[in-house]
Amino acid sequence: MSSLTLPAEWLQSTLLVTLPAHLDESNANEIREQLLAAVGQRPQALIANMSGTAWCDWAGAGVIASVSARALEARIELRLVVRDETVRRVLSLNGLDRIMVIYRDVTTATYR
């Protein structure tokens, strides 16, 4: 199974990884490494579950952008689940909503 310290769960060929309440400069590098490790497990799709994330800054948006690029190279679909409007706004300001679909719940992201 997964060696990630972030909670991770296989849903058939999709890997669901749950991100913490805060994604910012203090933990961005660690989260980037763990998400890149998830990409390395070669799921068909990777869901970054940010439904419990209440804060994301520029460093957090950078994590999502770099993981998205790596997933694209590996032909793995990255799906984001974001509920918090502030987090959505940060991702939007960084253009991430133009390169990937952002879902409101895990069920929709999983069975889209």
PDB file of N, CA and C in Angstrom:
ATOM      1  N   MET A   1       0.830  -1.186   0.000  1.00  0.00           N
ATOM      2  CA  MET A   1       0.000   0.000   0.000  1.00  0.00           C
ATOM      3  C   MET A   1       0.872   1.246   0.000  1.00  0.00           C
ATOM      4  N   SER A   2       0.264   2.337   0.345  1.00  0.00           N
ATOM      5  CA  SER A   2       0.916   3.630   0.270  1.00  0.00           C
ATOM      6  C   SER A   2       1.857   3.860   1.448  1.00  0.00           C
ATOM      7  N   SER A   3       2.990   4.505   1.159  1.00  0.00           N
ATOM      8  CA  SER A   3       3.925   4.870   2.217  1.00  0.00           C
ATOM      9  C   SER A   3       3.791   6.356   2.573  1.00  0.00           C
ATOM     10  N   LEU A   4       2.739   7.008   2.114  1.00  0.00           N
ATOM     11  CA  LEU A   4       2.513   8.420   2.379  1.00  0.00           C
ATOM     12  C   LEU A   4       2.120   8.652   3.834  1.00  0.00           C
ATOM     13  N   THR A   5       2.536   9.796   4.369  1.00  0.00           N
ATOM     14  CA  THR A   5       2.076  10.147   5.705  1.00  0.00           C
ATOM     15  C   THR A   5       0.767  10.929   5.635  1.00  0.00           C
ATOM     16  N   LEU A   6       0.473  11.521   4.472  1.00  0.00           N
ATOM     17  CA  LEU A   6      -0.856  12.090   4.284  1.00  0.00           C
ATOM     18  C   LEU A   6      -1.823  10.916   4.151  1.00  0.00           C
ATOM     19  N   PRO A   7      -3.030  11.055   4.693  1.00  0.00           N
ATOM     20  CA  PRO A   7      -3.993   9.958   4.529  1.00  0.00           C
ATOM     21  C   PRO A   7      -4.231   9.679   3.044  1.00  0.00           C
ATOM     22  N   ALA A   8      -4.093   8.423   2.663  1.00  0.00           N
ATOM     23  CA  ALA A   8      -4.260   8.026   1.267  1.00  0.00           C
ATOM     24  C   ALA A   8      -5.069   6.744   1.200  1.00  0.00           C
ATOM     25  N   GLU A   9      -5.895   6.660   0.175  1.00  0.00           N
ATOM     26  CA  GLU A   9      -6.776   5.502   0.024  1.00  0.00           C
ATOM     27  C   GLU A   9      -6.956   5.203  -1.460  1.00  0.00           C
ATOM     28  N   TRP A  10      -6.799   3.940  -1.821  1.00  0.00           N
ATOM     29  CA  TRP A  10      -7.054   3.514  -3.190  1.00  0.00           C
ATOM     30  C   TRP A  10      -8.541   3.273  -3.372  1.00  0.00           C
ATOM     31  N   LEU A  11      -9.103   3.850  -4.421  1.00  0.00           N
ATOM     32  CA  LEU A  11     -10.487   3.620  -4.837  1.00  0.00           C
ATOM     33  C   LEU A  11     -10.402   3.045  -6.243  1.00  0.00           C
ATOM     34  N   GLN A  12     -10.241   1.738  -6.308  1.00  0.00           N
ATOM     35  CA  GLN A  12      -9.937   1.031  -7.551  1.00  0.00           C
ATOM     36  C   GLN A  12      -8.631   1.584  -8.103  1.00  0.00           C
ATOM     37  N   SER A  13      -8.640   2.199  -9.280  1.00  0.00           N
ATOM     38  CA  SER A  13      -7.393   2.692  -9.869  1.00  0.00           C
ATOM     39  C   SER A  13      -7.135   4.171  -9.579  1.00  0.00           C
ATOM     40  N   THR A  14      -7.927   4.748  -8.691  1.00  0.00           N
ATOM     41  CA  THR A  14      -7.782   6.150  -8.307  1.00  0.00           C
ATOM     42  C   THR A  14      -7.198   6.232  -6.904  1.00  0.00           C
ATOM     43  N   LEU A  15      -6.238   7.122  -6.719  1.00  0.00           N
ATOM     44  CA  LEU A  15      -5.643   7.334  -5.401  1.00  0.00           C
ATOM     45  C   LEU A  15      -6.173   8.641  -4.827  1.00  0.00           C
ATOM     46  N   LEU A  16      -6.803   8.548  -3.676  1.00  0.00           N
ATOM     47  CA  LEU A  16      -7.363   9.699  -2.966  1.00  0.00           C
ATOM     48  C   LEU A  16      -6.408  10.063  -1.842  1.00  0.00           C
ATOM     49  N   VAL A  17      -5.869  11.286  -1.889  1.00  0.00           N
ATOM     50  CA  VAL A  17      -4.945  11.776  -0.867  1.00  0.00           C
ATOM     51  C   VAL A  17      -5.578  12.989  -0.204  1.00  0.00           C
ATOM     52  N   THR A  18      -5.677  12.954   1.116  1.00  0.00           N
ATOM     53  CA  THR A  18      -6.300  14.045   1.860  1.00  0.00           C
ATOM     54  C   THR A  18      -5.238  14.998   2.378  1.00  0.00           C
ATOM     55  N   LEU A  19      -5.393  16.263   2.016  1.00  0.00           N
ATOM     56  CA  LEU A  19      -4.450  17.298   2.420  1.00  0.00           C
ATOM     57  C   LEU A  19      -4.871  17.900   3.760  1.00  0.00           C
ATOM     58  N   PRO A  20      -3.938  18.544   4.462  1.00  0.00           N
ATOM     59  CA  PRO A  20      -4.234  19.096   5.789  1.00  0.00           C
ATOM     60  C   PRO A  20      -5.056  20.380   5.728  1.00  0.00           C
ATOM     61  N   ALA A  21      -5.422  20.881   6.895  1.00  0.00           N
ATOM     62  CA  ALA A  21      -6.237  22.095   7.005  1.00  0.00           C
ATOM     63  C   ALA A  21      -5.518  23.328   6.485  1.00  0.00           C
ATOM     64  N   HIS A  22      -4.200  23.311   6.546  1.00  0.00           N
ATOM     65  CA  HIS A  22      -3.411  24.449   6.064  1.00  0.00           C
ATOM     66  C   HIS A  22      -2.350  23.948   5.094  1.00  0.00           C
ATOM     67  N   LEU A  23      -2.280  24.608   3.943  1.00  0.00           N
ATOM     68  CA  LEU A  23      -1.268  24.310   2.939  1.00  0.00           C
ATOM     69  C   LEU A  23      -0.572  25.632   2.642  1.00  0.00           C
ATOM     70  N   ASP A  24       0.590  25.786   3.224  1.00  0.00           N
ATOM     71  CA  ASP A  24       1.284  27.067   3.100  1.00  0.00           C
ATOM     72  C   ASP A  24       2.794  26.848   3.103  1.00  0.00           C
ATOM     73  N   GLU A  25       3.517  27.922   3.202  1.00  0.00           N
ATOM     74  CA  GLU A  25       4.972  27.860   3.133  1.00  0.00           C
ATOM     75  C   GLU A  25       5.572  26.922   4.182  1.00  0.00           C
ATOM     76  N   SER A  26       4.901  26.774   5.315  1.00  0.00           N
ATOM     77  CA  SER A  26       5.444  25.946   6.401  1.00  0.00           C
ATOM     78  C   SER A  26       5.457  24.448   6.077  1.00  0.00           C
ATOM     79  N   ASN A  27       4.552  23.993   5.213  1.00  0.00           N
ATOM     80  CA  ASN A  27       4.483  22.563   4.923  1.00  0.00           C
ATOM     81  C   ASN A  27       4.465  22.241   3.427  1.00  0.00           C
ATOM     82  N   ALA A  28       4.638  23.252   2.587  1.00  0.00           N
ATOM     83  CA  ALA A  28       4.512  23.068   1.135  1.00  0.00           C
ATOM     84  C   ALA A  28       5.488  22.032   0.586  1.00  0.00           C
ATOM     85  N   ASN A  29       6.740  22.099   0.987  1.00  0.00           N
ATOM     86  CA  ASN A  29       7.724  21.150   0.441  1.00  0.00           C
ATOM     87  C   ASN A  29       7.396  19.712   0.809  1.00  0.00           C
ATOM     88  N   GLU A  30       7.009  19.493   2.054  1.00  0.00           N
ATOM     89  CA  GLU A  30       6.659  18.137   2.497  1.00  0.00           C
ATOM     90  C   GLU A  30       5.441  17.613   1.738  1.00  0.00           C
ATOM     91  N   ILE A  31       4.440  18.447   1.576  1.00  0.00           N
ATOM     92  CA  ILE A  31       3.229  18.024   0.865  1.00  0.00           C
ATOM     93  C   ILE A  31       3.542  17.777  -0.612  1.00  0.00           C
ATOM     94  N   ARG A  32       4.358  18.638  -1.214  1.00  0.00           N
ATOM     95  CA  ARG A  32       4.754  18.434  -2.613  1.00  0.00           C
ATOM     96  C   ARG A  32       5.409  17.060  -2.770  1.00  0.00           C
ATOM     97  N   GLU A  33       6.354  16.746  -1.899  1.00  0.00           N
ATOM     98  CA  GLU A  33       7.050  15.461  -1.992  1.00  0.00           C
ATOM     99  C   GLU A  33       6.090  14.285  -1.854  1.00  0.00           C
ATOM    100  N   GLN A  34       5.151  14.391  -0.950  1.00  0.00           N
ATOM    101  CA  GLN A  34       4.205  13.292  -0.742  1.00  0.00           C
ATOM    102  C   GLN A  34       3.246  13.151  -1.920  1.00  0.00           C
ATOM    103  N   LEU A  35       2.806  14.273  -2.500  1.00  0.00           N
ATOM    104  CA  LEU A  35       1.938  14.182  -3.673  1.00  0.00           C
ATOM    105  C   LEU A  35       2.703  13.671  -4.888  1.00  0.00           C
ATOM    106  N   LEU A  36       3.959  14.064  -5.023  1.00  0.00           N
ATOM    107  CA  LEU A  36       4.768  13.532  -6.119  1.00  0.00           C
ATOM    108  C   LEU A  36       5.005  12.032  -5.946  1.00  0.00           C
ATOM    109  N   ALA A  37       5.145  11.592  -4.698  1.00  0.00           N
ATOM    110  CA  ALA A  37       5.253  10.154  -4.437  1.00  0.00           C
ATOM    111  C   ALA A  37       3.961   9.445  -4.841  1.00  0.00           C
ATOM    112  N   ALA A  38       2.827  10.102  -4.626  1.00  0.00           N
ATOM    113  CA  ALA A  38       1.546   9.520  -5.036  1.00  0.00           C
ATOM    114  C   ALA A  38       1.481   9.405  -6.555  1.00  0.00           C
ATOM    115  N   VAL A  39       1.954  10.421  -7.269  1.00  0.00           N
ATOM    116  CA  VAL A  39       2.019  10.351  -8.732  1.00  0.00           C
ATOM    117  C   VAL A  39       2.905   9.177  -9.146  1.00  0.00           C
ATOM    118  N   GLY A  40       3.992   8.969  -8.417  1.00  0.00           N
ATOM    119  CA  GLY A  40       4.912   7.874  -8.704  1.00  0.00           C
ATOM    120  C   GLY A  40       4.309   6.492  -8.530  1.00  0.00           C
ATOM    121  N   GLN A  41       3.189   6.410  -7.807  1.00  0.00           N
ATOM    122  CA  GLN A  41       2.504   5.125  -7.656  1.00  0.00           C
ATOM    123  C   GLN A  41       1.647   4.789  -8.877  1.00  0.00           C
ATOM    124  N   ARG A  42       1.602   5.720  -9.840  1.00  0.00           N
ATOM    125  CA  ARG A  42       0.954   5.533 -11.133  1.00  0.00           C
ATOM    126  C   ARG A  42      -0.540   5.213 -11.077  1.00  0.00           C
ATOM    127  N   PRO A  43      -1.314   5.976 -10.301  1.00  0.00           N
ATOM    128  CA  PRO A  43      -2.760   5.771 -10.360  1.00  0.00           C
ATOM    129  C   PRO A  43      -3.297   6.273 -11.694  1.00  0.00           C
ATOM    130  N   GLN A  44      -4.463   5.834 -12.060  1.00  0.00           N
ATOM    131  CA  GLN A  44      -5.099   6.356 -13.268  1.00  0.00           C
ATOM    132  C   GLN A  44      -5.488   7.819 -13.034  1.00  0.00           C
ATOM    133  N   ALA A  45      -5.970   8.100 -11.823  1.00  0.00           N
ATOM    134  CA  ALA A  45      -6.312   9.467 -11.429  1.00  0.00           C
ATOM    135  C   ALA A  45      -5.843   9.666  -9.992  1.00  0.00           C
ATOM    136  N   LEU A  46      -5.468  10.895  -9.683  1.00  0.00           N
ATOM    137  CA  LEU A  46      -5.070  11.275  -8.338  1.00  0.00           C
ATOM    138  C   LEU A  46      -6.012  12.373  -7.879  1.00  0.00           C
ATOM    139  N   ILE A  47      -6.707  12.114  -6.784  1.00  0.00           N
ATOM    140  CA  ILE A  47      -7.596  13.121  -6.212  1.00  0.00           C
ATOM    141  C   ILE A  47      -6.899  13.734  -5.013  1.00  0.00           C
ATOM    142  N   ALA A  48      -6.653  15.044  -5.090  1.00  0.00           N
ATOM    143  CA  ALA A  48      -6.110  15.788  -3.952  1.00  0.00           C
ATOM    144  C   ALA A  48      -7.305  16.366  -3.211  1.00  0.00           C
ATOM    145  N   ASN A  49      -7.636  15.725  -2.092  1.00  0.00           N
ATOM    146  CA  ASN A  49      -8.814  16.107  -1.320  1.00  0.00           C
ATOM    147  C   ASN A  49      -8.466  17.270  -0.397  1.00  0.00           C
ATOM    148  N   MET A  50      -8.864  18.461  -0.817  1.00  0.00           N
ATOM    149  CA  MET A  50      -8.656  19.671  -0.033  1.00  0.00           C
ATOM    150  C   MET A  50      -9.969  20.133   0.599  1.00  0.00           C
ATOM    151  N   SER A  51     -10.908  19.210   0.745  1.00  0.00           N
ATOM    152  CA  SER A  51     -12.217  19.598   1.288  1.00  0.00           C
ATOM    153  C   SER A  51     -12.123  20.082   2.733  1.00  0.00           C
ATOM    154  N   GLY A  52     -11.093  19.671   3.451  1.00  0.00           N
ATOM    155  CA  GLY A  52     -10.887  20.141   4.815  1.00  0.00           C
ATOM    156  C   GLY A  52      -9.820  21.222   4.919  1.00  0.00           C
ATOM    157  N   THR A  53      -9.327  21.678   3.767  1.00  0.00           N
ATOM    158  CA  THR A  53      -8.293  22.710   3.750  1.00  0.00           C
ATOM    159  C   THR A  53      -8.960  24.075   3.843  1.00  0.00           C
ATOM    160  N   ALA A  54      -8.614  24.816   4.892  1.00  0.00           N
ATOM    161  CA  ALA A  54      -9.219  26.131   5.135  1.00  0.00           C
ATOM    162  C   ALA A  54      -8.280  27.267   4.763  1.00  0.00           C
ATOM    163  N   TRP A  55      -7.005  26.956   4.523  1.00  0.00           N
ATOM    164  CA  TRP A  55      -6.041  27.994   4.172  1.00  0.00           C
ATOM    165  C   TRP A  55      -5.037  27.451   3.177  1.00  0.00           C
ATOM    166  N   CYS A  56      -4.822  28.212   2.119  1.00  0.00           N
ATOM    167  CA  CYS A  56      -3.827  27.869   1.099  1.00  0.00           C
ATOM    168  C   CYS A  56      -3.236  29.184   0.610  1.00  0.00           C
ATOM    169  N   ASP A  57      -1.917  29.302   0.662  1.00  0.00           N
ATOM    170  CA  ASP A  57      -1.276  30.529   0.192  1.00  0.00           C
ATOM    171  C   ASP A  57      -0.584  30.268  -1.145  1.00  0.00           C
ATOM    172  N   TRP A  58       0.243  31.221  -1.588  1.00  0.00           N
ATOM    173  CA  TRP A  58       0.945  31.104  -2.867  1.00  0.00           C
ATOM    174  C   TRP A  58       1.821  29.857  -2.924  1.00  0.00           C
ATOM    175  N   ALA A  59       2.422  29.484  -1.792  1.00  0.00           N
ATOM    176  CA  ALA A  59       3.268  28.286  -1.768  1.00  0.00           C
ATOM    177  C   ALA A  59       2.426  27.033  -1.978  1.00  0.00           C
ATOM    178  N   GLY A  60       1.246  27.007  -1.388  1.00  0.00           N
ATOM    179  CA  GLY A  60       0.334  25.884  -1.574  1.00  0.00           C
ATOM    180  C   GLY A  60      -0.146  25.780  -3.010  1.00  0.00           C
ATOM    181  N   ALA A  61      -0.458  26.922  -3.614  1.00  0.00           N
ATOM    182  CA  ALA A  61      -0.859  26.925  -5.023  1.00  0.00           C
ATOM    183  C   ALA A  61       0.298  26.427  -5.890  1.00  0.00           C
ATOM    184  N   GLY A  62       1.522  26.780  -5.516  1.00  0.00           N
ATOM    185  CA  GLY A  62       2.691  26.300  -6.244  1.00  0.00           C
ATOM    186  C   GLY A  62       2.834  24.790  -6.168  1.00  0.00           C
ATOM    187  N   VAL A  63       2.498  24.227  -5.013  1.00  0.00           N
ATOM    188  CA  VAL A  63       2.518  22.764  -4.859  1.00  0.00           C
ATOM    189  C   VAL A  63       1.557  22.136  -5.856  1.00  0.00           C
ATOM    190  N   ILE A  64       0.341  22.636  -5.897  1.00  0.00           N
ATOM    191  CA  ILE A  64      -0.671  22.077  -6.796  1.00  0.00           C
ATOM    192  C   ILE A  64      -0.221  22.223  -8.246  1.00  0.00           C
ATOM    193  N   ALA A  65       0.356  23.359  -8.594  1.00  0.00           N
ATOM    194  CA  ALA A  65       0.822  23.579  -9.970  1.00  0.00           C
ATOM    195  C   ALA A  65       1.932  22.589 -10.343  1.00  0.00           C
ATOM    196  N   SER A  66       2.899  22.394  -9.453  1.00  0.00           N
ATOM    197  CA  SER A  66       4.010  21.492  -9.795  1.00  0.00           C
ATOM    198  C   SER A  66       3.554  20.040  -9.840  1.00  0.00           C
ATOM    199  N   VAL A  67       2.658  19.646  -8.950  1.00  0.00           N
ATOM    200  CA  VAL A  67       2.132  18.278  -8.973  1.00  0.00           C
ATOM    201  C   VAL A  67       1.286  18.069 -10.226  1.00  0.00           C
ATOM    202  N   SER A  68       0.536  19.094 -10.603  1.00  0.00           N
ATOM    203  CA  SER A  68      -0.273  19.013 -11.822  1.00  0.00           C
ATOM    204  C   SER A  68       0.616  18.799 -13.045  1.00  0.00           C
ATOM    205  N   ALA A  69       1.720  19.524 -13.110  1.00  0.00           N
ATOM    206  CA  ALA A  69       2.640  19.371 -14.245  1.00  0.00           C
ATOM    207  C   ALA A  69       3.225  17.963 -14.293  1.00  0.00           C
ATOM    208  N   ARG A  70       3.632  17.446 -13.151  1.00  0.00           N
ATOM    209  CA  ARG A  70       4.207  16.094 -13.101  1.00  0.00           C
ATOM    210  C   ARG A  70       3.149  15.052 -13.471  1.00  0.00           C
ATOM    211  N   ALA A  71       1.930  15.230 -12.959  1.00  0.00           N
ATOM    212  CA  ALA A  71       0.848  14.295 -13.288  1.00  0.00           C
ATOM    213  C   ALA A  71       0.559  14.319 -14.790  1.00  0.00           C
ATOM    214  N   LEU A  72       0.550  15.496 -15.368  1.00  0.00           N
ATOM    215  CA  LEU A  72       0.308  15.622 -16.801  1.00  0.00           C
ATOM    216  C   LEU A  72       1.381  14.886 -17.600  1.00  0.00           C
ATOM    217  N   GLU A  73       2.630  15.050 -17.202  1.00  0.00           N
ATOM    218  CA  GLU A  73       3.738  14.334 -17.862  1.00  0.00           C
ATOM    219  C   GLU A  73       3.541  12.822 -17.786  1.00  0.00           C
ATOM    220  N   ALA A  74       3.026  12.352 -16.651  1.00  0.00           N
ATOM    221  CA  ALA A  74       2.831  10.915 -16.435  1.00  0.00           C
ATOM    222  C   ALA A  74       1.485  10.422 -16.956  1.00  0.00           C
ATOM    223  N   ARG A  75       0.722  11.324 -17.565  1.00  0.00           N
ATOM    224  CA  ARG A  75      -0.623  10.996 -18.072  1.00  0.00           C
ATOM    225  C   ARG A  75      -1.555  10.515 -16.971  1.00  0.00           C
ATOM    226  N   ILE A  76      -1.465  11.192 -15.843  1.00  0.00           N
ATOM    227  CA  ILE A  76      -2.335  10.917 -14.694  1.00  0.00           C
ATOM    228  C   ILE A  76      -3.211  12.137 -14.497  1.00  0.00           C
ATOM    229  N   GLU A  77      -4.492  11.915 -14.394  1.00  0.00           N
ATOM    230  CA  GLU A  77      -5.416  13.027 -14.195  1.00  0.00           C
ATOM    231  C   GLU A  77      -5.406  13.452 -12.728  1.00  0.00           C
ATOM    232  N   LEU A  78      -5.107  14.718 -12.483  1.00  0.00           N
ATOM    233  CA  LEU A  78      -5.166  15.275 -11.134  1.00  0.00           C
ATOM    234  C   LEU A  78      -6.505  15.967 -10.972  1.00  0.00           C
ATOM    235  N   ARG A  79      -7.229  15.585  -9.929  1.00  0.00           N
ATOM    236  CA  ARG A  79      -8.518  16.191  -9.622  1.00  0.00           C
ATOM    237  C   ARG A  79      -8.433  16.813  -8.234  1.00  0.00           C
ATOM    238  N   LEU A  80      -8.899  18.042  -8.113  1.00  0.00           N
ATOM    239  CA  LEU A  80      -8.904  18.725  -6.818  1.00  0.00           C
ATOM    240  C   LEU A  80     -10.312  18.757  -6.253  1.00  0.00           C
ATOM    241  N   VAL A  81     -10.407  18.580  -4.945  1.00  0.00           N
ATOM    242  CA  VAL A  81     -11.673  18.761  -4.236  1.00  0.00           C
ATOM    243  C   VAL A  81     -11.448  19.909  -3.268  1.00  0.00           C
ATOM    244  N   VAL A  82     -12.188  20.998  -3.480  1.00  0.00           N
ATOM    245  CA  VAL A  82     -12.036  22.200  -2.660  1.00  0.00           C
ATOM    246  C   VAL A  82     -13.422  22.715  -2.299  1.00  0.00           C
ATOM    247  N   ARG A  83     -13.642  22.953  -1.022  1.00  0.00           N
ATOM    248  CA  ARG A  83     -14.916  23.516  -0.559  1.00  0.00           C
ATOM    249  C   ARG A  83     -14.788  24.985  -0.164  1.00  0.00           C
ATOM    250  N   ASP A  84     -13.684  25.332   0.462  1.00  0.00           N
ATOM    251  CA  ASP A  84     -13.516  26.668   1.010  1.00  0.00           C
ATOM    252  C   ASP A  84     -13.358  27.696  -0.114  1.00  0.00           C
ATOM    253  N   GLU A  85     -14.164  28.768  -0.059  1.00  0.00           N
ATOM    254  CA  GLU A  85     -14.137  29.782  -1.108  1.00  0.00           C
ATOM    255  C   GLU A  85     -12.821  30.556  -1.142  1.00  0.00           C
ATOM    256  N   THR A  86     -12.201  30.761   0.005  1.00  0.00           N
ATOM    257  CA  THR A  86     -10.910  31.459   0.027  1.00  0.00           C
ATOM    258  C   THR A  86      -9.849  30.621  -0.664  1.00  0.00           C
ATOM    259  N   VAL A  87      -9.841  29.335  -0.399  1.00  0.00           N
ATOM    260  CA  VAL A  87      -8.887  28.436  -1.058  1.00  0.00           C
ATOM    261  C   VAL A  87      -9.151  28.418  -2.559  1.00  0.00           C
ATOM    262  N   ARG A  88     -10.411  28.345  -2.954  1.00  0.00           N
ATOM    263  CA  ARG A  88     -10.761  28.381  -4.378  1.00  0.00           C
ATOM    264  C   ARG A  88     -10.252  29.658  -5.037  1.00  0.00           C
ATOM    265  N   ARG A  89     -10.392  30.770  -4.336  1.00  0.00           N
ATOM    266  CA  ARG A  89      -9.961  32.055  -4.871  1.00  0.00           C
ATOM    267  C   ARG A  89      -8.439  32.078  -5.086  1.00  0.00           C
ATOM    268  N   VAL A  90      -7.683  31.559  -4.135  1.00  0.00           N
ATOM    269  CA  VAL A  90      -6.220  31.501  -4.273  1.00  0.00           C
ATOM    270  C   VAL A  90      -5.847  30.645  -5.485  1.00  0.00           C
ATOM    271  N   LEU A  91      -6.490  29.505  -5.627  1.00  0.00           N
ATOM    272  CA  LEU A  91      -6.202  28.631  -6.764  1.00  0.00           C
ATOM    273  C   LEU A  91      -6.582  29.306  -8.078  1.00  0.00           C
ATOM    274  N   SER A  92      -7.696  30.025  -8.075  1.00  0.00           N
ATOM    275  CA  SER A  92      -8.148  30.743  -9.258  1.00  0.00           C
ATOM    276  C   SER A  92      -7.193  31.874  -9.622  1.00  0.00           C
ATOM    277  N   LEU A  93      -6.755  32.635  -8.628  1.00  0.00           N
ATOM    278  CA  LEU A  93      -5.815  33.735  -8.881  1.00  0.00           C
ATOM    279  C   LEU A  93      -4.513  33.233  -9.486  1.00  0.00           C
ATOM    280  N   ASN A  94      -4.165  31.990  -9.199  1.00  0.00           N
ATOM    281  CA  ASN A  94      -2.957  31.379  -9.752  1.00  0.00           C
ATOM    282  C   ASN A  94      -3.228  30.625 -11.052  1.00  0.00           C
ATOM    283  N   GLY A  95      -4.459  30.719 -11.565  1.00  0.00           N
ATOM    284  CA  GLY A  95      -4.809  30.127 -12.847  1.00  0.00           C
ATOM    285  C   GLY A  95      -5.048  28.639 -12.838  1.00  0.00           C
ATOM    286  N   LEU A  96      -5.077  28.036 -11.664  1.00  0.00           N
ATOM    287  CA  LEU A  96      -5.211  26.574 -11.602  1.00  0.00           C
ATOM    288  C   LEU A  96      -6.592  26.088 -12.008  1.00  0.00           C
ATOM    289  N   ASP A  97      -7.607  26.923 -11.845  1.00  0.00           N
ATOM    290  CA  ASP A  97      -8.954  26.525 -12.258  1.00  0.00           C
ATOM    291  C   ASP A  97      -9.094  26.494 -13.777  1.00  0.00           C
ATOM    292  N   ARG A  98      -8.114  27.025 -14.490  1.00  0.00           N
ATOM    293  CA  ARG A  98      -8.140  26.986 -15.953  1.00  0.00           C
ATOM    294  C   ARG A  98      -7.431  25.754 -16.515  1.00  0.00           C
ATOM    295  N   ILE A  99      -6.650  25.073 -15.673  1.00  0.00           N
ATOM    296  CA  ILE A  99      -5.921  23.903 -16.187  1.00  0.00           C
ATOM    297  C   ILE A  99      -6.443  22.597 -15.605  1.00  0.00           C
ATOM    298  N   MET A 100      -7.361  22.679 -14.640  1.00  0.00           N
ATOM    299  CA  MET A 100      -7.941  21.461 -14.076  1.00  0.00           C
ATOM    300  C   MET A 100      -9.329  21.752 -13.527  1.00  0.00           C
ATOM    301  N   VAL A 101     -10.120  20.719 -13.421  1.00  0.00           N
ATOM    302  CA  VAL A 101     -11.453  20.847 -12.845  1.00  0.00           C
ATOM    303  C   VAL A 101     -11.327  20.784 -11.332  1.00  0.00           C
ATOM    304  N   ILE A 102     -12.015  21.690 -10.664  1.00  0.00           N
ATOM    305  CA  ILE A 102     -12.040  21.688  -9.207  1.00  0.00           C
ATOM    306  C   ILE A 102     -13.448  21.268  -8.781  1.00  0.00           C
ATOM    307  N   TYR A 103     -13.504  20.191  -8.018  1.00  0.00           N
ATOM    308  CA  TYR A 103     -14.774  19.622  -7.583  1.00  0.00           C
ATOM    309  C   TYR A 103     -15.114  20.097  -6.174  1.00  0.00           C
ATOM    310  N   ARG A 104     -16.393  20.036  -5.828  1.00  0.00           N
ATOM    311  CA  ARG A 104     -16.842  20.444  -4.493  1.00  0.00           C
ATOM    312  C   ARG A 104     -16.882  19.290  -3.504  1.00  0.00           C
ATOM    313  N   ASP A 105     -16.895  18.032  -4.013  1.00  0.00           N
ATOM    314  CA  ASP A 105     -16.929  16.889  -3.086  1.00  0.00           C
ATOM    315  C   ASP A 105     -16.209  15.708  -3.687  1.00  0.00           C
ATOM    316  N   VAL A 106     -15.797  14.807  -2.828  1.00  0.00           N
ATOM    317  CA  VAL A 106     -15.007  13.639  -3.225  1.00  0.00           C
ATOM    318  C   VAL A 106     -15.829  12.705  -4.109  1.00  0.00           C
ATOM    319  N   THR A 107     -17.102  12.537  -3.809  1.00  0.00           N
ATOM    320  CA  THR A 107     -17.934  11.627  -4.591  1.00  0.00           C
ATOM    321  C   THR A 107     -17.978  12.048  -6.057  1.00  0.00           C
ATOM    322  N   THR A 108     -18.198  13.322  -6.294  1.00  0.00           N
ATOM    323  CA  THR A 108     -18.242  13.823  -7.671  1.00  0.00           C
ATOM    324  C   THR A 108     -16.884  13.667  -8.346  1.00  0.00           C
ATOM    325  N   ALA A 109     -15.815  13.946  -7.651  1.00  0.00           N
ATOM    326  CA  ALA A 109     -14.471  13.805  -8.212  1.00  0.00           C
ATOM    327  C   ALA A 109     -14.147  12.348  -8.519  1.00  0.00           C
ATOM    328  N   THR A 110     -14.634  11.446  -7.696  1.00  0.00           N
ATOM    329  CA  THR A 110     -14.340  10.027  -7.860  1.00  0.00           C
ATOM    330  C   THR A 110     -15.121   9.425  -9.019  1.00  0.00           C
ATOM    331  N   TYR A 111     -16.386   9.760  -9.121  1.00  0.00           N
ATOM    332  CA  TYR A 111     -17.272   9.095 -10.083  1.00  0.00           C
ATOM    333  C   TYR A 111     -17.709  10.014 -11.215  1.00  0.00           C
ATOM    334  N   ARG A 112     -16.925  10.985 -11.538  1.00  0.00           N
ATOM    335  CA  ARG A 112     -17.273  11.962 -12.585  1.00  0.00           C
ATOM    336  C   ARG A 112     -17.425  11.340 -13.937  1.00  0.00           C
TER     337      ARG A 112
END
